[in-house]
N, C-alpha and C. Protein backbone atom coordinates (compact mmCIF):
# COMPACT_ATOMS: atom_id res chain seq x y z
N UNK A 1 10.66 -3.65 22.89
CA UNK A 1 11.46 -4.40 21.93
C UNK A 1 10.70 -5.66 21.47
N UNK A 2 10.57 -6.16 20.06
CA UNK A 2 10.14 -7.02 20.02
C UNK A 2 11.47 -8.17 19.54
N UNK A 3 11.59 -9.00 20.44
CA UNK A 3 12.83 -9.72 20.48
C UNK A 3 13.19 -10.50 19.05
N UNK A 4 11.89 -11.36 18.47
CA UNK A 4 12.15 -12.07 17.25
C UNK A 4 12.53 -10.97 16.22
N UNK A 5 11.96 -9.87 15.98
CA UNK A 5 12.40 -9.04 14.81
C UNK A 5 13.27 -7.89 15.18
N UNK A 6 13.72 -7.83 16.50
CA UNK A 6 14.57 -6.58 16.90
C UNK A 6 14.13 -5.22 16.70
N UNK A 7 12.75 -5.08 16.33
CA UNK A 7 12.11 -3.89 16.17
C UNK A 7 11.73 -3.20 17.65
N UNK A 8 11.91 -1.84 17.52
CA UNK A 8 11.52 -1.47 18.98
C UNK A 8 10.44 -0.22 18.52
N UNK A 9 9.66 0.13 19.61
CA UNK A 9 8.63 1.22 19.53
C UNK A 9 8.94 2.16 20.88
N UNK A 10 8.85 3.38 20.60
CA UNK A 10 8.84 4.28 21.94
C UNK A 10 7.72 4.87 21.98
N UNK A 11 6.71 4.76 23.11
CA UNK A 11 5.70 5.50 23.14
C UNK A 11 6.01 7.27 23.54
N UNK A 12 4.93 8.03 23.32
CA UNK A 12 4.88 9.25 23.56
C UNK A 12 5.23 9.42 25.25
N UNK A 13 6.07 10.08 25.68
CA UNK A 13 6.16 10.33 27.13
C UNK A 13 5.30 11.50 27.82
N UNK A 14 5.15 11.23 28.87
CA UNK A 14 4.49 12.25 29.91
C UNK A 14 5.30 12.37 31.08
N UNK A 15 5.37 13.49 31.81
CA UNK A 15 5.55 13.83 32.95
C UNK A 15 4.89 13.29 34.06
N UNK A 16 3.65 13.03 33.86
CA UNK A 16 2.90 12.43 35.07
C UNK A 16 1.79 11.27 34.54
N UNK A 17 2.60 10.16 34.36
CA UNK A 17 1.98 8.77 33.69
C UNK A 17 1.10 8.16 34.97
N UNK A 18 0.20 7.65 34.42
CA UNK A 18 -1.00 6.95 35.46
C UNK A 18 -1.25 5.86 34.92
N UNK A 19 -2.17 5.17 35.52
CA UNK A 19 -2.68 3.80 35.04
C UNK A 19 -3.65 3.89 33.55
N UNK A 20 -4.32 5.13 33.57
CA UNK A 20 -5.27 5.33 32.54
C UNK A 20 -4.18 5.48 31.22
N UNK A 21 -3.29 6.35 31.28
CA UNK A 21 -2.12 6.79 30.32
C UNK A 21 -1.59 5.54 29.85
N UNK A 22 -0.97 4.61 31.01
CA UNK A 22 -0.41 3.56 30.82
C UNK A 22 -1.18 2.43 29.84
N UNK A 23 -2.75 2.40 30.21
CA UNK A 23 -3.60 1.38 29.55
C UNK A 23 -3.39 1.97 28.16
N UNK A 24 -3.90 3.17 27.96
CA UNK A 24 -3.86 3.58 26.45
C UNK A 24 -2.57 3.40 25.67
N UNK A 25 -1.46 3.56 26.37
CA UNK A 25 -0.26 3.13 25.62
C UNK A 25 -0.14 1.66 25.05
N UNK A 26 -0.91 0.55 26.35
CA UNK A 26 -0.90 -0.79 25.69
C UNK A 26 -1.82 -0.95 24.59
N UNK A 27 -3.20 -0.31 24.56
CA UNK A 27 -3.90 -0.19 23.40
C UNK A 27 -3.21 0.05 22.19
N UNK A 28 -2.34 1.24 22.35
CA UNK A 28 -1.67 1.64 21.22
C UNK A 28 -0.89 0.74 20.60
N UNK A 29 0.10 0.05 21.50
CA UNK A 29 0.91 -1.08 21.07
C UNK A 29 0.20 -2.05 20.08
N UNK A 30 -0.87 -2.62 20.78
CA UNK A 30 -1.62 -3.59 20.30
C UNK A 30 -1.78 -3.24 18.83
N UNK A 31 -2.10 -2.09 18.57
CA UNK A 31 -2.55 -1.58 17.15
C UNK A 31 -1.25 -1.35 16.34
N UNK A 32 -0.21 -0.97 17.04
CA UNK A 32 1.22 -1.08 16.28
C UNK A 32 1.66 -2.34 15.69
N UNK A 33 1.23 -3.39 16.69
CA UNK A 33 1.48 -5.06 16.39
C UNK A 33 0.66 -5.27 15.16
N UNK A 34 -0.35 -5.06 15.34
CA UNK A 34 -1.30 -5.33 14.29
C UNK A 34 -0.93 -4.71 12.89
N UNK A 35 -0.80 -3.49 12.95
CA UNK A 35 -0.33 -2.64 11.69
C UNK A 35 0.85 -2.97 11.03
N UNK A 36 1.78 -3.58 11.86
CA UNK A 36 3.04 -3.88 11.31
C UNK A 36 3.15 -5.38 11.10
N UNK A 37 2.19 -6.12 11.50
CA UNK A 37 2.16 -7.59 11.24
C UNK A 37 2.94 -8.65 12.12
N UNK A 38 3.22 -7.70 13.23
CA UNK A 38 3.89 -8.53 14.53
C UNK A 38 3.03 -9.50 15.27
N UNK A 39 3.64 -10.36 15.53
CA UNK A 39 2.85 -11.62 16.17
C UNK A 39 3.80 -11.83 17.61
N UNK A 40 3.33 -11.56 18.74
CA UNK A 40 4.24 -11.72 19.82
C UNK A 40 3.41 -12.86 20.74
N UNK A 41 4.06 -13.34 21.80
CA UNK A 41 3.67 -14.44 22.58
C UNK A 41 3.50 -14.05 24.14
N UNK A 42 4.66 -13.40 24.30
CA UNK A 42 4.93 -12.91 25.82
C UNK A 42 4.96 -11.35 26.02
N UNK A 43 4.56 -10.70 26.81
CA UNK A 43 4.79 -9.49 27.32
C UNK A 43 5.54 -9.41 28.77
N UNK A 44 6.81 -8.82 28.62
CA UNK A 44 7.82 -8.89 29.87
C UNK A 44 7.82 -7.55 30.46
N UNK A 45 7.44 -7.31 31.73
CA UNK A 45 7.76 -6.06 32.14
C UNK A 45 8.11 -6.16 33.74
N UNK A 46 8.21 -4.91 34.34
CA UNK A 46 8.79 -5.01 35.93
C UNK A 46 7.26 -4.88 36.79
N UNK A 47 7.74 -4.73 37.91
CA UNK A 47 6.51 -4.62 38.80
C UNK A 47 6.15 -3.14 39.18
N UNK A 48 6.38 -2.25 38.25
CA UNK A 48 5.68 -0.76 38.73
C UNK A 48 4.38 -0.75 38.83
N UNK A 49 4.03 0.05 39.51
CA UNK A 49 2.58 -0.07 40.20
C UNK A 49 1.81 0.53 39.03
N UNK A 50 2.27 1.08 37.96
CA UNK A 50 1.58 1.60 36.79
C UNK A 50 1.00 0.45 35.88
N UNK A 51 1.68 -0.75 36.04
CA UNK A 51 1.66 -1.83 35.27
C UNK A 51 0.28 -2.47 35.89
N UNK A 52 -1.03 -2.18 35.74
CA UNK A 52 -2.10 -2.44 36.51
C UNK A 52 -2.71 -4.02 35.83
N UNK A 53 -3.65 -4.29 36.60
CA UNK A 53 -4.38 -5.50 36.00
C UNK A 53 -5.09 -5.24 34.46
N UNK A 54 -5.48 -3.80 34.55
CA UNK A 54 -6.36 -3.47 33.31
C UNK A 54 -5.02 -3.46 32.00
N UNK A 55 -4.05 -3.02 32.52
CA UNK A 55 -2.74 -2.97 31.47
C UNK A 55 -2.54 -4.61 30.91
N UNK A 56 -2.40 -5.39 31.79
CA UNK A 56 -2.34 -6.81 31.38
C UNK A 56 -3.23 -7.57 30.76
N UNK A 57 -4.43 -7.06 31.19
CA UNK A 57 -5.81 -7.65 30.55
C UNK A 57 -5.59 -7.25 29.06
N UNK A 58 -5.21 -5.90 28.66
CA UNK A 58 -5.39 -5.60 27.51
C UNK A 58 -4.51 -6.48 26.60
N UNK A 59 -3.32 -6.47 26.97
CA UNK A 59 -2.56 -7.62 26.22
C UNK A 59 -2.81 -9.14 26.41
N UNK A 60 -3.41 -9.58 27.59
CA UNK A 60 -4.01 -10.87 27.56
C UNK A 60 -5.13 -11.07 26.62
N UNK A 61 -5.96 -9.98 26.33
CA UNK A 61 -7.10 -10.09 25.20
C UNK A 61 -6.41 -10.26 23.77
N UNK A 62 -4.84 -10.16 23.68
CA UNK A 62 -4.52 -10.24 22.44
C UNK A 62 -3.65 -11.55 22.31
N UNK A 63 -3.82 -12.21 23.34
CA UNK A 63 -3.36 -13.71 23.23
C UNK A 63 -1.80 -13.74 23.98
N UNK A 64 -1.48 -12.73 24.47
CA UNK A 64 0.08 -12.68 25.15
C UNK A 64 -0.13 -13.29 26.50
N UNK A 65 1.02 -13.69 26.91
CA UNK A 65 1.30 -14.20 28.34
C UNK A 65 1.89 -13.16 28.89
N UNK A 66 1.84 -12.78 30.10
CA UNK A 66 2.37 -11.71 30.94
C UNK A 66 3.36 -12.26 31.81
N UNK A 67 4.53 -11.90 31.75
CA UNK A 67 5.74 -12.41 32.48
C UNK A 67 6.27 -11.06 33.07
N UNK A 68 6.30 -11.07 34.50
CA UNK A 68 6.70 -9.85 35.56
C UNK A 68 8.11 -10.42 36.10
N UNK A 69 8.98 -9.44 35.80
CA UNK A 69 10.35 -9.58 36.29
C UNK A 69 10.37 -9.19 37.89
N UNK A 70 11.22 -9.63 38.75
CA UNK A 70 11.41 -9.32 39.93
C UNK A 70 12.11 -7.92 40.12
N UNK A 71 12.08 -7.60 41.08
CA UNK A 71 12.63 -6.17 41.60
C UNK A 71 14.03 -6.37 41.48
N UNK A 72 14.81 -5.19 40.85
CA UNK A 72 15.83 -5.25 40.66
C UNK A 72 16.83 -6.55 39.99
N UNK A 73 16.09 -6.52 38.64
CA UNK A 73 16.65 -8.04 38.04
C UNK A 73 16.59 -7.52 36.70
N UNK A 74 17.55 -6.77 36.38
CA UNK A 74 17.69 -5.87 34.57
C UNK A 74 17.89 -7.28 34.08
N UNK A 75 18.73 -8.27 34.35
CA UNK A 75 19.23 -9.22 33.25
C UNK A 75 18.09 -10.16 32.96
N UNK A 76 16.88 -9.80 33.62
CA UNK A 76 15.69 -10.95 33.45
C UNK A 76 15.07 -10.22 31.96
N UNK A 77 15.48 -9.27 31.72
CA UNK A 77 14.97 -8.31 30.55
C UNK A 77 15.94 -7.63 29.77
N UNK A 78 17.21 -8.20 29.55
CA UNK A 78 18.33 -7.88 29.06
C UNK A 78 18.14 -6.97 27.51
N UNK A 79 17.44 -7.54 26.88
CA UNK A 79 17.31 -6.87 25.42
C UNK A 79 16.80 -5.48 25.67
N UNK A 80 15.55 -5.74 26.50
CA UNK A 80 15.09 -4.33 26.80
C UNK A 80 15.93 -3.26 27.66
N UNK A 81 16.67 -3.84 28.44
CA UNK A 81 17.56 -2.80 29.20
C UNK A 81 18.65 -2.37 28.17
N UNK A 82 19.16 -3.22 27.17
CA UNK A 82 20.20 -2.86 26.35
C UNK A 82 19.70 -1.65 25.43
N UNK A 83 18.30 -1.54 24.89
CA UNK A 83 17.81 -0.62 24.12
C UNK A 83 17.57 0.76 24.65
N UNK A 84 17.32 0.54 26.12
CA UNK A 84 17.19 1.82 27.07
C UNK A 84 18.58 2.43 26.85
N UNK A 85 19.74 1.46 27.41
CA UNK A 85 20.88 2.10 27.56
C UNK A 85 21.17 2.80 26.31
N UNK A 86 20.86 2.24 25.01
CA UNK A 86 21.51 2.87 24.02
C UNK A 86 20.99 4.03 23.69
N UNK A 87 19.46 4.28 23.97
CA UNK A 87 18.67 5.25 23.61
C UNK A 87 19.25 6.55 24.19
N UNK A 88 19.70 6.14 25.97
CA UNK A 88 20.16 7.11 26.84
C UNK A 88 21.47 7.52 26.56
N UNK A 89 22.53 6.57 26.12
CA UNK A 89 23.81 7.15 25.92
C UNK A 89 23.79 7.86 24.42
N UNK A 90 22.73 7.64 23.39
CA UNK A 90 22.71 8.50 22.16
C UNK A 90 22.19 9.58 22.20
N UNK A 91 21.51 9.92 23.09
CA UNK A 91 20.77 11.28 23.06
C UNK A 91 21.22 12.08 24.16
N UNK A 92 20.95 12.17 25.41
CA UNK A 92 21.35 13.10 26.43
C UNK A 92 22.91 13.29 26.58
N UNK A 93 23.76 12.31 26.20
CA UNK A 93 24.83 12.54 26.20
C UNK A 93 25.72 13.27 24.91
N UNK A 94 24.76 13.38 23.93
CA UNK A 94 25.53 14.20 22.78
C UNK A 94 24.67 15.39 22.39
N UNK A 95 23.43 15.60 23.22
CA UNK A 95 22.52 16.51 22.93
C UNK A 95 22.30 17.36 23.83
N UNK A 96 21.89 18.85 23.59
CA UNK A 96 21.34 19.63 24.91
C UNK A 96 19.82 19.33 24.55
N UNK A 97 19.03 18.87 25.84
CA UNK A 97 17.65 18.53 25.62
C UNK A 97 17.10 19.89 26.07
N UNK A 98 15.88 20.45 25.43
CA UNK A 98 15.11 21.71 25.79
C UNK A 98 13.88 21.31 26.23
N UNK A 99 13.59 20.51 27.05
CA UNK A 99 12.56 20.01 27.59
C UNK A 99 11.62 18.72 27.28
N UNK A 100 10.55 18.66 27.50
CA UNK A 100 10.00 17.29 27.13
C UNK A 100 9.72 17.27 25.77
N UNK A 101 9.34 18.20 25.40
CA UNK A 101 8.55 18.39 23.84
C UNK A 101 9.76 17.93 23.06
N UNK A 102 11.01 18.51 23.34
CA UNK A 102 12.49 18.35 22.46
C UNK A 102 12.50 16.77 22.56
N UNK A 103 12.46 16.20 23.64
CA UNK A 103 12.84 14.80 23.90
C UNK A 103 11.73 13.88 23.07
N UNK A 104 10.50 14.50 23.01
CA UNK A 104 9.28 13.63 22.27
C UNK A 104 9.71 13.76 20.96
N UNK A 105 10.60 14.83 20.33
CA UNK A 105 10.62 14.98 18.92
C UNK A 105 11.87 14.20 18.52
N UNK A 106 12.69 14.03 19.57
CA UNK A 106 14.24 13.16 19.17
C UNK A 106 13.87 11.54 19.05
N UNK A 107 13.01 11.11 20.17
CA UNK A 107 12.82 9.69 20.18
C UNK A 107 12.38 9.02 18.89
N UNK A 108 11.61 9.47 17.99
CA UNK A 108 10.96 9.02 16.86
C UNK A 108 12.31 8.84 15.63
N UNK A 109 13.29 9.81 15.70
CA UNK A 109 14.31 9.94 15.28
C UNK A 109 15.30 8.59 15.29
N UNK A 110 15.49 8.49 16.61
CA UNK A 110 16.29 7.21 17.16
C UNK A 110 15.78 5.95 16.59
N UNK A 111 14.28 5.95 16.95
CA UNK A 111 13.79 4.65 16.32
C UNK A 111 13.50 4.66 14.97
N UNK A 112 13.64 5.34 14.11
CA UNK A 112 13.81 5.15 12.69
C UNK A 112 15.15 4.82 12.51
N UNK A 113 16.06 5.23 12.86
CA UNK A 113 17.60 4.81 12.81
C UNK A 113 17.69 3.37 13.23
N UNK A 114 17.28 3.18 14.39
CA UNK A 114 17.40 1.57 15.03
C UNK A 114 16.70 0.84 14.13
N UNK A 115 15.58 1.03 13.62
CA UNK A 115 14.81 0.02 13.09
C UNK A 115 15.09 -0.12 11.42
N UNK A 116 15.83 0.84 11.04
CA UNK A 116 16.04 0.60 9.60
C UNK A 116 17.74 0.67 9.30
N UNK A 117 18.44 1.58 10.02
CA UNK A 117 19.94 1.88 9.63
C UNK A 117 21.02 0.83 10.38
N UNK A 118 20.71 0.71 11.79
CA UNK A 118 21.56 0.27 12.58
C UNK A 118 21.81 -1.02 12.37
N UNK A 119 23.12 -1.42 12.44
CA UNK A 119 23.60 -2.78 12.20
C UNK A 119 23.42 -3.67 13.55
N UNK A 120 22.87 -4.83 13.49
CA UNK A 120 22.49 -5.69 14.73
C UNK A 120 23.24 -6.62 14.88
N UNK A 121 24.08 -6.88 16.01
CA UNK A 121 25.36 -7.94 15.80
C UNK A 121 24.45 -9.40 16.06
N UNK A 122 23.22 -9.46 16.66
CA UNK A 122 22.78 -10.66 16.75
C UNK A 122 22.14 -11.18 15.38
N UNK A 123 22.04 -10.20 14.29
CA UNK A 123 21.60 -10.45 12.90
C UNK A 123 22.81 -10.35 12.14
N UNK A 124 23.93 -10.85 12.53
CA UNK A 124 25.25 -10.62 11.68
C UNK A 124 25.61 -9.31 11.14
N UNK A 125 25.39 -8.30 11.91
CA UNK A 125 25.57 -6.93 11.47
C UNK A 125 24.75 -6.53 10.26
N UNK A 126 23.64 -6.96 10.05
CA UNK A 126 22.77 -6.32 9.14
C UNK A 126 21.53 -5.66 9.69
N UNK A 127 21.36 -4.38 9.04
CA UNK A 127 20.32 -3.53 9.75
C UNK A 127 18.94 -4.36 9.43
N UNK A 128 17.93 -4.19 10.34
CA UNK A 128 16.55 -4.68 10.18
C UNK A 128 15.97 -4.64 8.81
N UNK A 129 16.33 -3.41 8.14
CA UNK A 129 15.90 -3.15 6.67
C UNK A 129 16.22 -4.47 6.07
N UNK A 130 17.33 -5.06 6.14
CA UNK A 130 17.65 -5.96 5.52
C UNK A 130 18.74 -5.79 4.13
N UNK A 131 18.64 -4.49 4.04
CA UNK A 131 19.70 -4.02 3.18
C UNK A 131 21.22 -4.02 3.53
N UNK A 132 21.92 -4.78 2.56
CA UNK A 132 23.41 -4.86 3.14
C UNK A 132 23.97 -3.83 2.05
N UNK A 133 25.09 -3.17 2.50
CA UNK A 133 25.77 -2.37 1.73
C UNK A 133 26.71 -3.37 0.60
N UNK A 134 26.54 -2.80 -0.64
CA UNK A 134 27.59 -3.88 -1.51
C UNK A 134 29.21 -3.76 -1.10
N UNK A 135 29.85 -4.73 -1.47
CA UNK A 135 31.55 -4.38 -1.37
C UNK A 135 31.63 -3.35 -1.94
N UNK A 136 32.47 -2.53 -1.11
CA UNK A 136 32.92 -1.02 -1.79
C UNK A 136 34.39 -1.26 -2.20
N UNK A 137 34.74 -0.58 -3.17
CA UNK A 137 36.12 -0.56 -3.63
C UNK A 137 37.01 0.67 -2.68
N UNK A 138 38.30 0.61 -2.73
CA UNK A 138 39.17 1.40 -1.89
C UNK A 138 38.88 2.95 -2.42
N UNK A 139 38.74 3.00 -3.52
CA UNK A 139 38.75 4.45 -4.06
C UNK A 139 37.15 4.95 -4.32
N UNK A 140 36.70 5.76 -3.52
CA UNK A 140 35.45 6.40 -3.85
C UNK A 140 35.67 7.75 -3.96
N UNK A 141 34.87 8.25 -4.96
CA UNK A 141 35.05 9.96 -5.23
C UNK A 141 33.81 10.45 -4.31
N UNK A 142 34.31 11.54 -3.37
CA UNK A 142 33.37 11.99 -2.29
C UNK A 142 32.09 12.38 -2.74
N UNK A 143 32.21 12.76 -4.26
CA UNK A 143 30.79 13.08 -4.72
C UNK A 143 29.81 12.20 -4.89
N UNK A 144 30.42 10.81 -4.61
CA UNK A 144 29.14 9.76 -4.68
C UNK A 144 28.85 9.49 -3.46
N UNK A 145 29.14 10.03 -2.42
CA UNK A 145 28.70 9.48 -0.90
C UNK A 145 27.76 10.80 -0.62
N UNK A 146 26.62 9.99 0.01
CA UNK A 146 25.70 10.61 0.66
C UNK A 146 25.36 10.34 2.24
N UNK A 147 25.07 11.22 2.86
CA UNK A 147 25.25 11.07 4.32
C UNK A 147 23.77 11.29 4.96
N UNK A 148 23.33 10.36 5.73
CA UNK A 148 22.17 10.37 6.36
C UNK A 148 22.24 10.52 7.73
N UNK A 149 21.72 11.64 8.21
CA UNK A 149 21.82 11.92 9.76
C UNK A 149 20.47 11.90 10.64
N UNK A 150 20.61 11.30 11.92
CA UNK A 150 19.72 11.41 12.89
C UNK A 150 20.18 12.08 14.17
N UNK A 151 19.34 12.42 14.98
CA UNK A 151 19.68 13.06 16.25
C UNK A 151 20.66 14.31 16.08
N UNK A 152 20.29 15.10 15.10
CA UNK A 152 21.25 16.33 15.15
C UNK A 152 22.62 16.02 14.67
N UNK A 153 22.79 14.76 13.91
CA UNK A 153 24.11 14.65 13.35
C UNK A 153 24.96 13.76 14.63
N UNK A 154 24.33 13.12 15.55
CA UNK A 154 24.87 12.27 16.21
C UNK A 154 25.28 11.00 15.54
N UNK A 155 24.08 10.64 14.97
CA UNK A 155 24.01 9.15 14.23
C UNK A 155 24.24 9.46 12.71
N UNK A 156 25.22 8.68 12.09
CA UNK A 156 25.27 9.10 10.70
C UNK A 156 25.40 7.65 9.81
N UNK A 157 24.83 7.84 8.84
CA UNK A 157 24.86 6.58 7.78
C UNK A 157 25.17 7.21 6.48
N UNK A 158 26.28 6.19 6.01
CA UNK A 158 26.82 6.81 4.57
C UNK A 158 26.53 5.66 3.43
N UNK A 159 26.25 6.20 2.54
CA UNK A 159 26.04 5.18 1.15
C UNK A 159 26.38 6.06 -0.04
N UNK A 160 26.41 5.17 -1.04
CA UNK A 160 26.55 5.59 -2.41
C UNK A 160 25.43 6.15 -3.05
N UNK A 161 25.36 7.24 -3.57
CA UNK A 161 24.42 7.85 -4.40
C UNK A 161 23.91 6.76 -5.40
N UNK A 162 22.35 6.81 -5.45
CA UNK A 162 21.89 5.94 -6.57
C UNK A 162 22.49 6.33 -7.95
N UNK A 163 22.37 5.28 -8.79
CA UNK A 163 23.05 5.57 -9.97
C UNK A 163 22.18 6.02 -10.97
């Protein structure tokens, strides 16, 4: 999660992550930041042994300072922990997952929802897309409503049809 923009990215998962795979994810993340015009100053991660010097050096070469959080200190990285908790509560609790490929298919859908339509309390309940629904009247014809769905209808967003 990029704290300033509240945007999240989820890398493709693997059953057997190793230091080379993690380093590749770091390079991919740097390219994502560049493509999206995101500037970051710090990278916060835990003490997992997969976060090697090579991993840290990739981000240092992009000008980021590395901050490692102590063992069993989730409050030191509360924003990230909350996103992970949201992802875990919105997917496995409501969907039957049929393996790793199915989870890899579902994660981008959640990221799209989170980064475009989900209202964020820290941003006065405005979605990251910046589009705020207009004031709605009490009487709405059901023919005027469009429902967008993510994660097999677990997440829904309703809006009026374009005129």
